[in-house]
C-alpha cells in the first residue's frame, strides 16, 4: 500500500496493492502496522460501517463535536465523490476541502483524521460505501456542515449525476455554516 498526499496535510489517499487476473483480484484492504507507518499515527479503529445509496444522494458533511471520528473510507460498489473539510479552527488549512472520486475500479481509500467533516456524493446508479472509525458513533454529538456553504465552496460534481441538486436527508438540509460551527 502507498500513501499519496493531499492539499490538507493530514488527509491521505491510500492505494492498496491489487493482485488480479482473469479469475478476479485480491487486495489487503487494511493492515494496522502498515496504516500506522503510512499515516504516522497510532489510531485504533473501533467501528466498521457500510452504507448503500442511490445516484445523487449526498451524505454529509458530518462530524462529531465530541468523540471526533477519524475515518478510513472506501467504495466497494459504484463510485462517489468523497470530500473532507478541515474544521479544526487552529489548523492552517481551516475551511479548506479536498475531494476525489472513490470507486470500485480505482480501489482507493481516503484517510480522514479526527476533527474534519466528511461527506460524499453518489455518482453511480448505487454505491456501497465502507468506513472504519476511530471512535464510536455518538448521535448526541453529531453535527453537519452545510454541503453548500459558500465559505467552503466544495465543487460537488452535480453535473455528473444529471441533477440540479443532490438528494439530502432532513438532517443534512439543516447543516451549519462554517462560521456557525461550535
Protein backbone atom coordinates (compact mmCIF):
# COMPACT_ATOMS: atom_id res chain seq x y z
CA UNK A 1 0.00 0.00 0.00
CA UNK A 2 1.19 3.52 -0.66
CA UNK A 3 0.05 6.90 0.64
CA UNK A 4 -0.42 9.98 -1.55
CA UNK A 5 -0.53 13.46 -0.02
CA UNK A 6 -3.44 15.86 -0.49
CA UNK A 7 -3.91 19.61 -0.13
CA UNK A 8 -4.80 19.03 3.56
CA UNK A 9 -1.61 17.58 5.08
CA UNK A 10 -3.25 15.03 7.43
CA UNK A 11 -5.67 13.71 4.79
CA UNK A 12 -4.15 10.90 2.73
CA UNK A 13 -5.13 8.89 -0.32
CA UNK A 14 -4.24 5.24 0.25
CA UNK A 15 -3.68 2.97 -2.74
CA UNK A 16 -3.62 -0.74 -1.94
CA UNK A 17 -1.62 -3.25 -3.93
CA UNK A 18 -4.11 -5.19 -6.02
CA UNK A 19 -3.25 -8.59 -7.46
CA UNK A 20 -5.59 -9.59 -10.26
CA UNK A 21 -6.01 -11.90 -13.20
CA UNK A 22 -8.87 -13.35 -15.25
CA UNK A 23 -10.29 -15.00 -12.12
CA UNK A 24 -10.66 -11.76 -10.13
CA UNK A 25 -8.44 -9.92 -7.66
CA UNK A 26 -7.03 -9.93 -4.14
CA UNK A 27 -6.02 -6.95 -2.04
CA UNK A 28 -5.26 -6.32 1.59
CA UNK A 29 -7.74 -3.58 2.49
CA UNK A 30 -6.36 -2.91 5.96
CA UNK A 31 -3.23 -3.71 7.96
CA UNK A 32 -2.77 -1.84 11.26
CA UNK A 33 1.04 -1.83 11.11
CA UNK A 34 1.11 -0.52 7.51
CA UNK A 35 -1.60 2.07 8.26
CA UNK A 36 0.36 3.38 11.28
CA UNK A 37 3.55 3.65 9.19
CA UNK A 38 1.85 5.43 6.28
CA UNK A 39 -0.13 7.91 8.39
CA UNK A 40 2.43 8.42 11.16
CA UNK A 41 -0.39 7.86 13.67
CA UNK A 42 -1.46 5.25 16.18
CA UNK A 43 -5.23 5.25 15.78
CA UNK A 44 -7.26 2.21 16.75
CA UNK A 45 -10.43 1.54 14.79
CA UNK A 46 -13.48 0.64 16.90
CA UNK A 47 -16.38 0.51 14.43
CA UNK A 48 -16.99 -0.52 10.81
CA UNK A 49 -19.91 0.93 8.85
CA UNK A 50 -21.46 0.05 5.50
CA UNK A 51 -23.96 2.21 3.61
CA UNK A 52 -25.74 1.85 0.29
CA UNK A 53 -27.03 4.93 -1.50
CA UNK A 54 -28.66 5.78 -4.83
CA UNK A 55 -27.35 8.14 -7.54
CA UNK A 56 -27.46 11.76 -6.46
CA UNK A 57 -27.55 11.10 -2.71
CA UNK A 58 -25.25 13.39 -0.78
CA UNK A 59 -24.39 12.30 2.76
CA UNK A 60 -22.64 14.89 4.89
CA UNK A 61 -20.72 16.86 5.67
CA UNK A 62 -20.75 15.08 9.05
CA UNK A 63 -18.61 15.37 12.17
CA UNK A 64 -18.88 14.89 15.93
CA UNK A 65 -18.32 17.84 18.27
CA UNK A 66 -17.10 15.43 20.95
CA UNK A 67 -15.63 12.00 20.35
CA UNK A 68 -14.38 13.09 16.89
CA UNK A 69 -14.04 10.20 14.49
CA UNK A 70 -11.17 9.51 12.16
CA UNK A 71 -12.47 7.63 9.12
CA UNK A 72 -10.82 5.28 6.67
CA UNK A 73 -13.27 5.22 3.75
CA UNK A 74 -13.63 3.22 0.55
CA UNK A 75 -16.18 2.19 -2.07
CA UNK A 76 -16.78 -1.49 -2.89
CA UNK A 77 -19.56 -0.99 -5.46
CA UNK A 78 -20.11 2.03 -7.69
CA UNK A 79 -18.45 5.42 -7.32
CA UNK A 80 -18.69 8.53 -5.17
CA UNK A 81 -17.14 11.96 -4.98
CA UNK A 82 -15.69 11.93 -1.47
CA UNK A 83 -14.92 15.13 0.46
CA UNK A 84 -13.06 16.05 3.64
CA UNK A 85 -13.27 19.59 5.08
CA UNK A 86 -10.82 20.85 7.69
CA UNK A 87 -12.92 22.33 10.52
CA UNK A 88 -10.09 22.41 13.10
CA UNK A 89 -10.02 26.12 13.96
CA UNK A 90 -6.31 26.06 14.89
CA UNK A 91 -5.32 24.40 11.60
CA UNK A 92 -3.57 26.36 8.82
CA UNK A 93 -5.95 24.66 6.37
CA UNK A 94 -9.13 25.54 8.33
CA UNK A 95 -12.09 25.83 5.95
CA UNK A 96 -10.32 24.10 3.07
CA UNK A 97 -11.67 20.99 1.40
CA UNK A 98 -10.25 18.10 -0.55
CA UNK A 99 -12.25 15.80 -2.80
CA UNK A 100 -11.67 12.86 -5.09
CA UNK A 101 -13.53 10.02 -6.74
CA UNK A 102 -13.50 6.73 -4.88
CA UNK A 103 -14.75 3.74 -6.84
CA UNK A 104 -14.75 0.00 -7.11
CA UNK A 105 -12.49 0.45 -10.14
CA UNK A 106 -9.75 2.62 -8.60
CA UNK A 107 -9.98 0.87 -5.19
CA UNK A 108 -8.52 3.92 -3.49
CA UNK A 109 -9.19 4.74 0.15
CA UNK A 110 -9.17 8.08 1.92
CA UNK A 111 -7.91 8.65 5.45
CA UNK A 112 -9.91 11.48 7.08
CA UNK A 113 -8.39 12.20 10.51
CA UNK A 114 -10.42 13.19 13.57
CA UNK A 115 -11.56 16.81 13.56
CA UNK A 116 -12.60 17.02 9.91
CA UNK A 117 -16.07 17.00 8.38
CA UNK A 118 -16.73 14.28 5.83
CA UNK A 119 -19.29 13.58 3.12
CA UNK A 120 -19.83 12.06 -0.29
CA UNK A 121 -21.99 12.36 -3.39
CA UNK A 122 -23.01 9.17 -5.21
CA UNK A 123 -22.07 9.28 -8.90
CA UNK A 124 -23.15 5.77 -9.97
CA UNK A 125 -26.62 4.19 -10.01
CA UNK A 126 -25.89 2.93 -6.48
CA UNK A 127 -22.80 2.90 -4.31
CA UNK A 128 -21.75 0.79 -1.37
CA UNK A 129 -19.51 2.73 0.97
CA UNK A 130 -17.44 1.16 3.76
CA UNK A 131 -15.66 3.01 6.52
CA UNK A 132 -13.77 2.31 9.69
CA UNK A 133 -13.97 4.84 12.55
CA UNK A 134 -11.60 5.64 15.39
CA UNK A 135 -14.40 6.41 17.85
CA UNK A 136 -17.94 5.24 18.35
CA UNK A 137 -20.94 6.94 16.79
CA UNK A 138 -22.31 9.45 19.31
CA UNK A 139 -25.61 10.86 17.99
CA UNK A 140 -25.79 13.41 20.81
CA UNK A 141 -22.54 14.98 19.46
CA UNK A 142 -23.30 14.66 15.76
CA UNK A 143 -23.33 17.81 13.63
CA UNK A 144 -23.41 18.69 9.94
CA UNK A 145 -21.55 21.35 7.99
CA UNK A 146 -23.75 22.66 5.17
CA UNK A 147 -22.86 20.87 1.96
CA UNK A 148 -23.22 24.13 0.01
CA UNK A 149 -21.61 26.60 2.42
CA UNK A 150 -20.22 29.40 0.20
CA UNK A 151 -17.25 29.96 2.53
CA UNK A 152 -16.10 26.38 1.93
CA UNK A 153 -17.31 26.20 -1.70
CA UNK A 154 -16.97 22.48 -2.34
CA UNK A 155 -17.14 21.89 -6.11
CA UNK A 156 -19.60 18.99 -5.98
CA UNK A 157 -19.87 17.43 -9.46
CA UNK A 158 -23.69 17.65 -9.66
CA UNK A 159 -23.35 17.80 -13.47
CA UNK A 160 -22.12 14.18 -13.30
CA UNK A 161 -25.43 13.00 -11.82
CA UNK A 162 -27.69 14.93 -14.23
CA UNK A 163 -29.47 16.58 -11.32
CA UNK A 164 -29.62 20.26 -10.43
CA UNK A 165 -29.21 19.47 -6.74
CA UNK A 166 -28.29 16.37 -4.73
CA UNK A 167 -30.73 14.33 -2.64
CA UNK A 168 -30.32 15.22 1.04
CA UNK A 169 -31.68 13.87 4.31
CA UNK A 170 -33.66 16.27 6.50
CA UNK A 171 -30.66 16.45 8.84
CA UNK A 172 -28.26 17.31 6.03
CA UNK A 173 -30.61 20.04 4.77
CA UNK A 174 -30.15 21.76 8.15
CA UNK A 175 -26.33 21.88 8.04
CA UNK A 176 -24.47 24.72 9.74
CA UNK A 177 -22.35 27.33 8.02
CA UNK A 178 -18.59 27.22 8.70
CA UNK A 179 -18.78 30.37 10.84
CA UNK A 180 -21.56 28.78 12.97
CA UNK A 181 -19.60 25.67 13.95
CA UNK A 182 -19.09 25.11 17.68
